[in-house]
Amino acid sequence: MEKLKFPLFLWIILGAIIILLIPVAIIDRVVHSRPAVPAVTAKATVPTKIAEQSKTGCRIGDQAPDFELTTIDTRDIKLSDYRGKSVILNFWATWCGPCRMEVSSLKSVNAKLPELDAVLIAICTQDTFDNAQMYAKANGLDFIIPVDPRGIVSGYYKIHGIPTTFFIDPKGVITSIKIGPYLIENEILERLPPVK
């Protein structure tokens, strides 16, 4: 009779431990996981009259929020400095795997942008200045890389996953948005708003 109680007692303890560990595992998973990067795409053409009357915001048809940041080569830039050009505004970080996947596409596109009167601004967000500078040097990145270590500008644009890319026309209006990496150069060029 004693032998039956002992294994039952062990089973009860083992069951209690498992029941207590499940919530701990779930909480640990949520706290230590990086946000998923869904491949969400949004694209639209903004009529000129709407673009001229648009409000500031982070949706297609909105005037893109202006910001001022310091680049990895210690220049202070504003988005409004590039008014009159089409802008590809990319949010990324050195710790982001999908961001690293799209670097070669961004490099290829950047080489073609001067002839299209466009510019690539790749904001390194929630990362350090040193990390961004070392990564850019190691990968030969020659586009504009401002650093937003606390994610303040990311907040203006309501970034929930990176990489996220905004396409902004010469008047400063958002014409297209993509969450997720660009792996094909033409996919980026197709979304670039024309300069008028």
N, C-alpha and C. Protein backbone atom coordinates (compact mmCIF):
# COMPACT_ATOMS: atom_id res chain seq x y z
N MET A 1 0.82 -1.19 0.00
CA MET A 1 0.00 0.00 0.00
C MET A 1 0.87 1.26 0.00
N GLU A 2 1.96 1.23 0.74
CA GLU A 2 2.87 2.38 0.79
C GLU A 2 3.48 2.65 -0.58
N LYS A 3 3.77 1.60 -1.35
CA LYS A 3 4.38 1.79 -2.66
C LYS A 3 3.46 2.54 -3.61
N LEU A 4 2.15 2.36 -3.53
CA LEU A 4 1.21 3.05 -4.40
C LEU A 4 1.12 4.54 -4.08
N LYS A 5 1.21 4.91 -2.82
CA LYS A 5 1.10 6.32 -2.44
C LYS A 5 2.33 7.12 -2.89
N PHE A 6 3.48 6.51 -2.83
CA PHE A 6 4.71 7.22 -3.19
C PHE A 6 4.71 7.65 -4.66
N PRO A 7 4.46 6.75 -5.63
CA PRO A 7 4.42 7.19 -7.02
C PRO A 7 3.29 8.19 -7.28
N LEU A 8 2.14 8.05 -6.65
CA LEU A 8 1.05 9.00 -6.82
C LEU A 8 1.48 10.39 -6.33
N PHE A 9 2.17 10.42 -5.20
CA PHE A 9 2.69 11.68 -4.65
C PHE A 9 3.67 12.33 -5.64
N LEU A 10 4.53 11.54 -6.27
CA LEU A 10 5.48 12.08 -7.27
C LEU A 10 4.73 12.63 -8.48
N TRP A 11 3.70 11.92 -8.91
CA TRP A 11 2.92 12.40 -10.05
C TRP A 11 2.24 13.72 -9.73
N ILE A 12 1.74 13.87 -8.52
CA ILE A 12 1.09 15.11 -8.13
C ILE A 12 2.10 16.26 -8.13
N ILE A 13 3.29 16.05 -7.60
CA ILE A 13 4.33 17.08 -7.58
C ILE A 13 4.76 17.43 -9.01
N LEU A 14 4.97 16.40 -9.83
CA LEU A 14 5.38 16.62 -11.22
C LEU A 14 4.31 17.42 -11.97
N GLY A 15 3.05 17.08 -11.78
CA GLY A 15 1.94 17.81 -12.41
C GLY A 15 1.91 19.27 -11.97
N ALA A 16 2.11 19.51 -10.68
CA ALA A 16 2.11 20.87 -10.15
C ALA A 16 3.26 21.68 -10.74
N ILE A 17 4.43 21.08 -10.87
CA ILE A 17 5.59 21.77 -11.45
C ILE A 17 5.32 22.16 -12.90
N ILE A 18 4.74 21.22 -13.66
CA ILE A 18 4.44 21.50 -15.08
C ILE A 18 3.42 22.62 -15.19
N ILE A 19 2.39 22.58 -14.36
CA ILE A 19 1.37 23.63 -14.39
C ILE A 19 1.96 24.99 -14.05
N LEU A 20 2.91 25.05 -13.13
CA LEU A 20 3.55 26.32 -12.77
C LEU A 20 4.53 26.80 -13.83
N LEU A 21 5.18 25.89 -14.56
CA LEU A 21 6.18 26.28 -15.55
C LEU A 21 5.57 26.78 -16.85
N ILE A 22 4.37 26.36 -17.18
CA ILE A 22 3.76 26.79 -18.45
C ILE A 22 3.60 28.31 -18.51
N PRO A 23 3.01 28.97 -17.50
CA PRO A 23 2.92 30.44 -17.60
C PRO A 23 4.29 31.12 -17.61
N VAL A 24 5.25 30.56 -16.88
CA VAL A 24 6.60 31.14 -16.87
C VAL A 24 7.21 31.06 -18.27
N ALA A 25 7.04 29.94 -18.95
CA ALA A 25 7.58 29.77 -20.31
C ALA A 25 6.90 30.73 -21.28
N ILE A 26 5.60 30.90 -21.15
CA ILE A 26 4.88 31.81 -22.04
C ILE A 26 5.34 33.24 -21.83
N ILE A 27 5.45 33.67 -20.60
CA ILE A 27 5.90 35.03 -20.29
C ILE A 27 7.33 35.24 -20.81
N ASP A 28 8.19 34.27 -20.60
CA ASP A 28 9.58 34.37 -21.07
C ASP A 28 9.62 34.49 -22.59
N ARG A 29 8.80 33.74 -23.29
CA ARG A 29 8.75 33.77 -24.75
C ARG A 29 8.32 35.15 -25.25
N VAL A 30 7.30 35.71 -24.61
CA VAL A 30 6.79 37.02 -25.02
C VAL A 30 7.81 38.11 -24.76
N VAL A 31 8.44 38.09 -23.60
CA VAL A 31 9.39 39.13 -23.21
C VAL A 31 10.65 39.09 -24.07
N HIS A 32 11.12 37.90 -24.42
CA HIS A 32 12.41 37.79 -25.11
C HIS A 32 12.29 37.61 -26.62
N SER A 33 11.12 37.64 -27.18
CA SER A 33 11.00 37.48 -28.62
C SER A 33 11.04 38.84 -29.30
N ARG A 34 11.58 38.87 -30.50
CA ARG A 34 11.58 40.08 -31.32
C ARG A 34 10.24 40.14 -32.04
N PRO A 35 9.76 41.32 -32.38
CA PRO A 35 8.49 41.40 -33.09
C PRO A 35 8.59 40.74 -34.46
N ALA A 36 7.53 40.07 -34.85
CA ALA A 36 7.49 39.43 -36.16
C ALA A 36 7.49 40.51 -37.23
N VAL A 37 8.06 40.19 -38.38
CA VAL A 37 8.10 41.15 -39.47
C VAL A 37 7.23 40.61 -40.59
N PRO A 38 5.96 40.97 -40.60
CA PRO A 38 5.08 40.48 -41.65
C PRO A 38 5.38 41.15 -42.97
N ALA A 39 5.14 40.45 -44.05
CA ALA A 39 5.35 41.02 -45.37
C ALA A 39 4.07 41.72 -45.81
N VAL A 40 3.81 42.89 -45.23
CA VAL A 40 2.61 43.66 -45.54
C VAL A 40 3.00 44.73 -46.54
N THR A 41 2.17 44.93 -47.52
CA THR A 41 2.46 45.90 -48.55
C THR A 41 1.29 46.84 -48.74
N ALA A 42 1.58 48.10 -48.89
CA ALA A 42 0.54 49.08 -49.20
C ALA A 42 1.06 49.98 -50.30
N LYS A 43 0.23 50.21 -51.32
CA LYS A 43 0.67 51.04 -52.43
C LYS A 43 -0.54 51.77 -52.99
N ALA A 44 -0.36 53.02 -53.28
CA ALA A 44 -1.44 53.79 -53.88
C ALA A 44 -0.88 55.01 -54.57
N THR A 45 -1.63 55.54 -55.49
CA THR A 45 -1.25 56.78 -56.15
C THR A 45 -2.05 57.89 -55.51
N VAL A 46 -1.39 58.98 -55.16
CA VAL A 46 -2.05 60.09 -54.49
C VAL A 46 -2.32 61.19 -55.52
N PRO A 47 -3.58 61.52 -55.76
CA PRO A 47 -3.87 62.62 -56.69
C PRO A 47 -3.24 63.92 -56.18
N THR A 48 -2.84 64.80 -57.11
CA THR A 48 -2.14 66.03 -56.77
C THR A 48 -2.93 66.92 -55.81
N LYS A 49 -4.22 67.11 -56.04
CA LYS A 49 -5.01 67.99 -55.19
C LYS A 49 -5.04 67.48 -53.75
N ILE A 50 -5.18 66.16 -53.58
CA ILE A 50 -5.19 65.59 -52.23
C ILE A 50 -3.82 65.77 -51.59
N ALA A 51 -2.76 65.54 -52.38
CA ALA A 51 -1.40 65.65 -51.85
C ALA A 51 -1.12 67.06 -51.34
N GLU A 52 -1.64 68.07 -52.06
CA GLU A 52 -1.39 69.45 -51.66
C GLU A 52 -2.10 69.81 -50.36
N GLN A 53 -3.21 69.12 -50.06
CA GLN A 53 -4.00 69.45 -48.89
C GLN A 53 -3.83 68.42 -47.77
N SER A 54 -2.86 67.55 -47.90
CA SER A 54 -2.74 66.44 -46.95
C SER A 54 -2.28 66.91 -45.56
N LYS A 55 -2.64 66.11 -44.57
CA LYS A 55 -2.24 66.40 -43.19
C LYS A 55 -0.97 65.61 -42.88
N THR A 56 -0.28 66.00 -41.82
CA THR A 56 0.91 65.26 -41.42
C THR A 56 0.48 63.97 -40.74
N GLY A 57 1.12 62.88 -41.13
CA GLY A 57 0.81 61.57 -40.56
C GLY A 57 1.69 60.51 -41.18
N CYS A 58 1.36 59.26 -40.92
CA CYS A 58 2.22 58.17 -41.40
C CYS A 58 1.46 57.19 -42.30
N ARG A 59 0.41 57.68 -42.94
CA ARG A 59 -0.36 56.84 -43.87
C ARG A 59 -0.19 57.36 -45.29
N ILE A 60 -0.53 56.51 -46.24
CA ILE A 60 -0.48 56.93 -47.64
C ILE A 60 -1.39 58.14 -47.82
N GLY A 61 -0.86 59.17 -48.48
CA GLY A 61 -1.59 60.41 -48.69
C GLY A 61 -1.30 61.48 -47.65
N ASP A 62 -0.66 61.11 -46.53
CA ASP A 62 -0.29 62.07 -45.50
C ASP A 62 1.03 62.75 -45.84
N GLN A 63 1.20 63.96 -45.32
CA GLN A 63 2.49 64.64 -45.38
C GLN A 63 3.41 63.90 -44.41
N ALA A 64 4.57 63.46 -44.86
CA ALA A 64 5.50 62.72 -44.01
C ALA A 64 6.00 63.61 -42.88
N PRO A 65 6.01 63.10 -41.64
CA PRO A 65 6.52 63.90 -40.52
C PRO A 65 7.99 64.28 -40.72
N ASP A 66 8.30 65.55 -40.51
CA ASP A 66 9.68 66.00 -40.62
C ASP A 66 10.44 65.57 -39.36
N PHE A 67 11.73 65.48 -39.46
CA PHE A 67 12.57 65.11 -38.33
C PHE A 67 13.96 65.67 -38.56
N GLU A 68 14.75 65.70 -37.50
CA GLU A 68 16.15 66.07 -37.60
C GLU A 68 16.96 65.03 -36.85
N LEU A 69 17.93 64.43 -37.53
CA LEU A 69 18.79 63.41 -36.93
C LEU A 69 20.23 63.63 -37.38
N THR A 70 21.16 63.01 -36.68
CA THR A 70 22.57 63.06 -37.04
C THR A 70 22.94 61.77 -37.75
N THR A 71 23.66 61.91 -38.86
CA THR A 71 24.07 60.74 -39.65
C THR A 71 25.36 60.14 -39.09
N ILE A 72 25.70 58.96 -39.60
CA ILE A 72 26.92 58.29 -39.11
C ILE A 72 28.18 59.05 -39.48
N ASP A 73 28.08 59.98 -40.46
CA ASP A 73 29.24 60.83 -40.76
C ASP A 73 29.07 62.21 -40.12
N THR A 74 28.29 62.26 -39.03
CA THR A 74 28.10 63.42 -38.14
C THR A 74 27.52 64.67 -38.80
N ARG A 75 26.66 64.48 -39.80
CA ARG A 75 25.94 65.60 -40.39
C ARG A 75 24.53 65.62 -39.80
N ASP A 76 24.00 66.80 -39.53
CA ASP A 76 22.62 66.93 -39.10
C ASP A 76 21.76 67.10 -40.35
N ILE A 77 20.75 66.23 -40.49
CA ILE A 77 19.86 66.33 -41.65
C ILE A 77 18.42 66.39 -41.19
N LYS A 78 17.58 66.96 -42.07
CA LYS A 78 16.14 66.96 -41.89
C LYS A 78 15.52 66.33 -43.13
N LEU A 79 14.39 65.71 -42.95
CA LEU A 79 13.68 65.18 -44.12
C LEU A 79 13.34 66.31 -45.08
N SER A 80 12.95 67.44 -44.54
CA SER A 80 12.56 68.59 -45.37
C SER A 80 13.72 69.14 -46.22
N ASP A 81 14.97 68.78 -45.87
CA ASP A 81 16.12 69.18 -46.69
C ASP A 81 16.04 68.58 -48.09
N TYR A 82 15.28 67.50 -48.25
CA TYR A 82 15.22 66.77 -49.51
C TYR A 82 13.91 67.02 -50.27
N ARG A 83 13.17 68.08 -49.87
CA ARG A 83 11.95 68.45 -50.58
C ARG A 83 12.32 68.75 -52.03
N GLY A 84 11.52 68.29 -52.97
CA GLY A 84 11.83 68.45 -54.39
C GLY A 84 12.41 67.18 -54.98
N LYS A 85 12.80 66.24 -54.14
CA LYS A 85 13.30 64.93 -54.58
C LYS A 85 12.35 63.85 -54.06
N SER A 86 12.31 62.72 -54.76
CA SER A 86 11.62 61.55 -54.23
C SER A 86 12.52 60.95 -53.16
N VAL A 87 11.92 60.48 -52.06
CA VAL A 87 12.70 59.95 -50.94
C VAL A 87 12.26 58.52 -50.63
N ILE A 88 13.23 57.64 -50.49
CA ILE A 88 12.98 56.31 -49.95
C ILE A 88 13.45 56.38 -48.50
N LEU A 89 12.51 56.26 -47.58
CA LEU A 89 12.82 56.36 -46.15
C LEU A 89 12.70 54.97 -45.54
N ASN A 90 13.84 54.40 -45.19
CA ASN A 90 13.90 53.01 -44.71
C ASN A 90 14.28 53.00 -43.22
N PHE A 91 13.54 52.22 -42.43
CA PHE A 91 13.85 52.05 -41.01
C PHE A 91 14.43 50.65 -40.83
N TRP A 92 15.58 50.55 -40.15
CA TRP A 92 16.28 49.28 -40.01
C TRP A 92 17.11 49.31 -38.73
N ALA A 93 17.80 48.19 -38.43
CA ALA A 93 18.74 48.12 -37.30
C ALA A 93 19.77 47.05 -37.60
N THR A 94 20.93 47.17 -36.99
CA THR A 94 22.00 46.20 -37.25
C THR A 94 21.67 44.82 -36.68
N TRP A 95 20.81 44.75 -35.67
CA TRP A 95 20.45 43.48 -35.05
C TRP A 95 19.31 42.77 -35.77
N CYS A 96 18.76 43.39 -36.80
CA CYS A 96 17.58 42.88 -37.51
C CYS A 96 18.00 42.01 -38.70
N GLY A 97 17.69 40.71 -38.63
CA GLY A 97 18.02 39.77 -39.71
C GLY A 97 17.42 40.14 -41.05
N PRO A 98 16.10 40.40 -41.14
CA PRO A 98 15.52 40.79 -42.42
C PRO A 98 16.12 42.09 -42.98
N CYS A 99 16.53 42.99 -42.09
CA CYS A 99 17.18 44.23 -42.55
C CYS A 99 18.49 43.91 -43.25
N ARG A 100 19.25 42.98 -42.69
CA ARG A 100 20.53 42.60 -43.30
C ARG A 100 20.30 41.92 -44.66
N MET A 101 19.15 41.23 -44.80
CA MET A 101 18.84 40.56 -46.06
C MET A 101 18.63 41.55 -47.21
N GLU A 102 18.13 42.75 -46.90
CA GLU A 102 17.80 43.69 -47.97
C GLU A 102 18.93 44.67 -48.30
N VAL A 103 20.04 44.59 -47.59
CA VAL A 103 21.14 45.55 -47.79
C VAL A 103 21.64 45.57 -49.23
N SER A 104 21.82 44.42 -49.86
CA SER A 104 22.36 44.41 -51.23
C SER A 104 21.39 45.07 -52.21
N SER A 105 20.08 44.89 -52.01
CA SER A 105 19.09 45.56 -52.88
C SER A 105 19.15 47.06 -52.70
N LEU A 106 19.26 47.51 -51.45
CA LEU A 106 19.34 48.95 -51.18
C LEU A 106 20.61 49.56 -51.79
N LYS A 107 21.72 48.83 -51.68
CA LYS A 107 22.97 49.33 -52.27
C LYS A 107 22.83 49.48 -53.79
N SER A 108 22.24 48.49 -54.45
CA SER A 108 22.06 48.55 -55.91
C SER A 108 21.16 49.70 -56.31
N VAL A 109 20.05 49.86 -55.59
CA VAL A 109 19.11 50.94 -55.90
C VAL A 109 19.76 52.30 -55.66
N ASN A 110 20.50 52.44 -54.59
CA ASN A 110 21.11 53.72 -54.27
C ASN A 110 22.02 54.23 -55.39
N ALA A 111 22.69 53.32 -56.08
CA ALA A 111 23.57 53.72 -57.18
C ALA A 111 22.79 54.35 -58.33
N LYS A 112 21.50 54.02 -58.47
CA LYS A 112 20.68 54.54 -59.57
C LYS A 112 19.89 55.78 -59.20
N LEU A 113 19.84 56.13 -57.93
CA LEU A 113 18.97 57.22 -57.48
C LEU A 113 19.37 58.62 -57.97
N PRO A 114 20.66 58.96 -58.08
CA PRO A 114 20.99 60.31 -58.55
C PRO A 114 20.37 60.63 -59.92
N GLU A 115 20.38 59.68 -60.84
CA GLU A 115 19.80 59.93 -62.17
C GLU A 115 18.27 60.02 -62.13
N LEU A 116 17.66 59.53 -61.04
CA LEU A 116 16.20 59.60 -60.87
C LEU A 116 15.78 60.77 -59.98
N ASP A 117 16.75 61.60 -59.59
CA ASP A 117 16.53 62.73 -58.69
C ASP A 117 15.83 62.27 -57.41
N ALA A 118 16.38 61.20 -56.83
CA ALA A 118 15.82 60.60 -55.62
C ALA A 118 16.95 60.32 -54.64
N VAL A 119 16.58 60.07 -53.40
CA VAL A 119 17.56 59.83 -52.35
C VAL A 119 17.06 58.73 -51.42
N LEU A 120 18.00 57.94 -50.89
CA LEU A 120 17.70 56.91 -49.91
C LEU A 120 18.19 57.38 -48.54
N ILE A 121 17.27 57.42 -47.57
CA ILE A 121 17.62 57.74 -46.19
C ILE A 121 17.26 56.51 -45.37
N ALA A 122 18.27 55.86 -44.82
CA ALA A 122 18.07 54.61 -44.07
C ALA A 122 18.32 54.88 -42.59
N ILE A 123 17.24 55.05 -41.83
CA ILE A 123 17.35 55.40 -40.41
C ILE A 123 17.62 54.14 -39.59
N CYS A 124 18.78 54.11 -38.94
CA CYS A 124 19.11 53.01 -38.03
C CYS A 124 18.43 53.32 -36.70
N THR A 125 17.42 52.53 -36.37
CA THR A 125 16.57 52.84 -35.22
C THR A 125 16.79 51.87 -34.06
N GLN A 126 16.66 52.39 -32.86
CA GLN A 126 16.82 51.60 -31.64
C GLN A 126 18.12 50.79 -31.66
N ASP A 127 19.16 51.48 -32.05
CA ASP A 127 20.49 50.89 -32.16
C ASP A 127 21.48 51.99 -31.84
N THR A 128 22.74 51.64 -31.65
CA THR A 128 23.73 52.65 -31.29
C THR A 128 24.40 53.25 -32.51
N PHE A 129 24.92 54.44 -32.32
CA PHE A 129 25.66 55.15 -33.36
C PHE A 129 26.86 54.30 -33.80
N ASP A 130 27.60 53.75 -32.82
CA ASP A 130 28.78 52.94 -33.13
C ASP A 130 28.43 51.70 -33.94
N ASN A 131 27.34 51.00 -33.57
CA ASN A 131 26.92 49.82 -34.32
C ASN A 131 26.60 50.18 -35.77
N ALA A 132 25.86 51.27 -35.96
CA ALA A 132 25.47 51.69 -37.30
C ALA A 132 26.70 52.06 -38.12
N GLN A 133 27.63 52.78 -37.51
CA GLN A 133 28.83 53.21 -38.21
C GLN A 133 29.70 52.01 -38.62
N MET A 134 29.88 51.06 -37.69
CA MET A 134 30.70 49.87 -37.99
C MET A 134 30.04 49.01 -39.07
N TYR A 135 28.72 48.84 -38.98
CA TYR A 135 27.99 48.03 -39.96
C TYR A 135 28.09 48.65 -41.35
N ALA A 136 27.91 49.96 -41.43
CA ALA A 136 27.97 50.65 -42.71
C ALA A 136 29.36 50.52 -43.33
N LYS A 137 30.37 50.67 -42.51
CA LYS A 137 31.76 50.56 -43.01
C LYS A 137 32.05 49.13 -43.48
N ALA A 138 31.65 48.15 -42.69
CA ALA A 138 31.91 46.74 -43.03
C ALA A 138 31.18 46.32 -44.31
N ASN A 139 30.03 46.95 -44.60
CA ASN A 139 29.24 46.55 -45.76
C ASN A 139 29.30 47.55 -46.92
N GLY A 140 30.15 48.56 -46.79
CA GLY A 140 30.33 49.53 -47.87
C GLY A 140 29.07 50.32 -48.20
N LEU A 141 28.33 50.73 -47.19
CA LEU A 141 27.09 51.48 -47.41
C LEU A 141 27.41 52.95 -47.58
N ASP A 142 26.99 53.52 -48.70
CA ASP A 142 27.30 54.93 -48.94
C ASP A 142 26.04 55.79 -49.05
N PHE A 143 24.90 55.27 -48.62
CA PHE A 143 23.70 56.10 -48.60
C PHE A 143 23.61 56.83 -47.26
N ILE A 144 22.61 57.69 -47.12
CA ILE A 144 22.46 58.51 -45.92
C ILE A 144 21.93 57.64 -44.78
N ILE A 145 22.69 57.58 -43.68
CA ILE A 145 22.29 56.75 -42.53
C ILE A 145 22.26 57.61 -41.27
N PRO A 146 21.08 58.15 -40.95
CA PRO A 146 20.91 58.82 -39.66
C PRO A 146 20.67 57.76 -38.58
N VAL A 147 20.95 58.10 -37.33
CA VAL A 147 20.75 57.16 -36.22
C VAL A 147 19.70 57.72 -35.27
N ASP A 148 18.75 56.86 -34.92
CA ASP A 148 17.64 57.20 -34.03
C ASP A 148 17.67 56.22 -32.86
N PRO A 149 18.64 56.39 -31.93
CA PRO A 149 18.89 55.37 -30.90
C PRO A 149 17.70 55.08 -29.99
N ARG A 150 16.87 56.08 -29.71
CA ARG A 150 15.74 55.86 -28.81
C ARG A 150 14.44 55.59 -29.56
N GLY A 151 14.49 55.58 -30.89
CA GLY A 151 13.30 55.28 -31.68
C GLY A 151 12.27 56.40 -31.69
N ILE A 152 12.71 57.65 -31.52
CA ILE A 152 11.77 58.77 -31.49
C ILE A 152 11.13 58.97 -32.87
N VAL A 153 11.95 58.98 -33.91
CA VAL A 153 11.41 59.16 -35.26
C VAL A 153 10.56 57.94 -35.66
N SER A 154 10.97 56.77 -35.22
CA SER A 154 10.16 55.56 -35.46
C SER A 154 8.77 55.74 -34.87
N GLY A 155 8.70 56.42 -33.75
CA GLY A 155 7.40 56.71 -33.13
C GLY A 155 6.56 57.63 -33.98
N TYR A 156 7.18 58.64 -34.61
CA TYR A 156 6.45 59.54 -35.50
C TYR A 156 5.78 58.76 -36.63
N TYR A 157 6.50 57.73 -37.11
CA TYR A 157 6.03 56.94 -38.25
C TYR A 157 5.30 55.66 -37.82
N LYS A 158 5.10 55.48 -36.51
CA LYS A 158 4.38 54.33 -35.95
C LYS A 158 4.92 53.00 -36.47
N ILE A 159 6.24 52.85 -36.36
CA ILE A 159 6.90 51.64 -36.83
C ILE A 159 6.65 50.51 -35.84
N HIS A 160 6.12 49.39 -36.34
CA HIS A 160 5.86 48.22 -35.49
C HIS A 160 6.75 47.04 -35.84
N GLY A 161 7.38 47.07 -36.96
CA GLY A 161 8.29 46.00 -37.39
C GLY A 161 9.29 46.58 -38.36
N ILE A 162 10.48 46.05 -38.36
CA ILE A 162 11.49 46.53 -39.30
C ILE A 162 12.02 45.34 -40.10
N PRO A 163 12.47 45.60 -41.31
CA PRO A 163 12.52 46.89 -41.99
C PRO A 163 11.13 47.37 -42.41
N THR A 164 10.95 48.66 -42.39
CA THR A 164 9.76 49.31 -42.94
C THR A 164 10.26 50.43 -43.85
N THR A 165 9.65 50.54 -45.02
CA THR A 165 10.09 51.52 -46.00
C THR A 165 8.91 52.39 -46.44
N PHE A 166 9.13 53.71 -46.40
CA PHE A 166 8.15 54.69 -46.88
C PHE A 166 8.69 55.31 -48.16
N PHE A 167 7.80 55.51 -49.12
CA PHE A 167 8.15 56.22 -50.35
C PHE A 167 7.45 57.57 -50.29
N ILE A 168 8.24 58.63 -50.45
CA ILE A 168 7.75 60.00 -50.26
C ILE A 168 8.00 60.78 -51.55
N ASP A 169 6.96 61.43 -52.04
CA ASP A 169 7.10 62.17 -53.30
C ASP A 169 7.82 63.51 -53.07
N PRO A 170 8.15 64.23 -54.15
CA PRO A 170 8.89 65.49 -54.00
C PRO A 170 8.19 66.57 -53.17
N LYS A 171 6.87 66.44 -52.99
CA LYS A 171 6.14 67.40 -52.16
C LYS A 171 6.08 66.96 -50.70
N GLY A 172 6.68 65.81 -50.40
CA GLY A 172 6.72 65.35 -49.02
C GLY A 172 5.54 64.47 -48.63
N VAL A 173 4.80 63.95 -49.60
CA VAL A 173 3.62 63.13 -49.34
C VAL A 173 3.98 61.65 -49.47
N ILE A 174 3.51 60.85 -48.52
CA ILE A 174 3.75 59.40 -48.54
C ILE A 174 2.90 58.77 -49.64
N THR A 175 3.55 58.05 -50.55
CA THR A 175 2.83 57.42 -51.67
C THR A 175 2.77 55.91 -51.56
N SER A 176 3.63 55.31 -50.75
CA SER A 176 3.66 53.85 -50.64
C SER A 176 4.39 53.47 -49.36
N ILE A 177 4.00 52.31 -48.79
CA ILE A 177 4.63 51.81 -47.56
C ILE A 177 4.79 50.31 -47.69
N LYS A 178 5.91 49.80 -47.21
CA LYS A 178 6.08 48.35 -47.14
C LYS A 178 6.73 47.97 -45.82
N ILE A 179 6.15 46.97 -45.16
CA ILE A 179 6.75 46.38 -43.96
C ILE A 179 7.35 45.06 -44.40
N GLY A 180 8.65 44.90 -44.21
CA GLY A 180 9.33 43.68 -44.63
C GLY A 180 10.47 44.04 -45.57
N PRO A 181 11.37 43.07 -45.79
CA PRO A 181 12.56 43.37 -46.60
C PRO A 181 12.30 43.38 -48.10
N TYR A 182 13.05 44.21 -48.79
CA TYR A 182 13.09 44.21 -50.25
C TYR A 182 14.24 43.32 -50.67
N LEU A 183 13.94 42.31 -51.46
CA LEU A 183 14.99 41.40 -51.92
C LEU A 183 15.27 41.59 -53.40
N ILE A 184 14.38 42.29 -54.10
CA ILE A 184 14.53 42.52 -55.53
C ILE A 184 14.59 44.02 -55.79
N GLU A 185 15.63 44.44 -56.47
CA GLU A 185 15.86 45.86 -56.73
C GLU A 185 14.70 46.52 -57.47
N ASN A 186 14.15 45.84 -58.48
CA ASN A 186 13.06 46.42 -59.27
C ASN A 186 11.81 46.70 -58.44
N GLU A 187 11.59 45.90 -57.41
CA GLU A 187 10.44 46.11 -56.55
C GLU A 187 10.52 47.48 -55.87
N ILE A 188 11.72 47.90 -55.56
CA ILE A 188 11.92 49.22 -54.94
C ILE A 188 11.72 50.31 -55.98
N LEU A 189 12.34 50.15 -57.14
CA LEU A 189 12.28 51.18 -58.18
C LEU A 189 10.85 51.40 -58.68
N GLU A 190 10.03 50.33 -58.73
CA GLU A 190 8.64 50.45 -59.18
C GLU A 190 7.81 51.34 -58.26
N ARG A 191 8.17 51.38 -56.98
CA ARG A 191 7.39 52.15 -56.01
C ARG A 191 7.86 53.60 -55.91
N LEU A 192 8.99 53.90 -56.49
CA LEU A 192 9.56 55.24 -56.39
C LEU A 192 8.64 56.25 -57.07
N PRO A 193 8.18 57.28 -56.34
CA PRO A 193 7.30 58.27 -56.98
C PRO A 193 8.07 59.10 -58.00
N PRO A 194 7.44 59.43 -59.11
CA PRO A 194 8.14 60.22 -60.14
C PRO A 194 8.34 61.66 -59.68
N VAL A 195 9.40 62.25 -60.17
CA VAL A 195 9.67 63.67 -59.92
C VAL A 195 9.00 64.45 -61.02
N LYS A 196 8.20 65.48 -60.66
CA LYS A 196 7.49 66.27 -61.68
C LYS A 196 8.07 67.66 -61.77
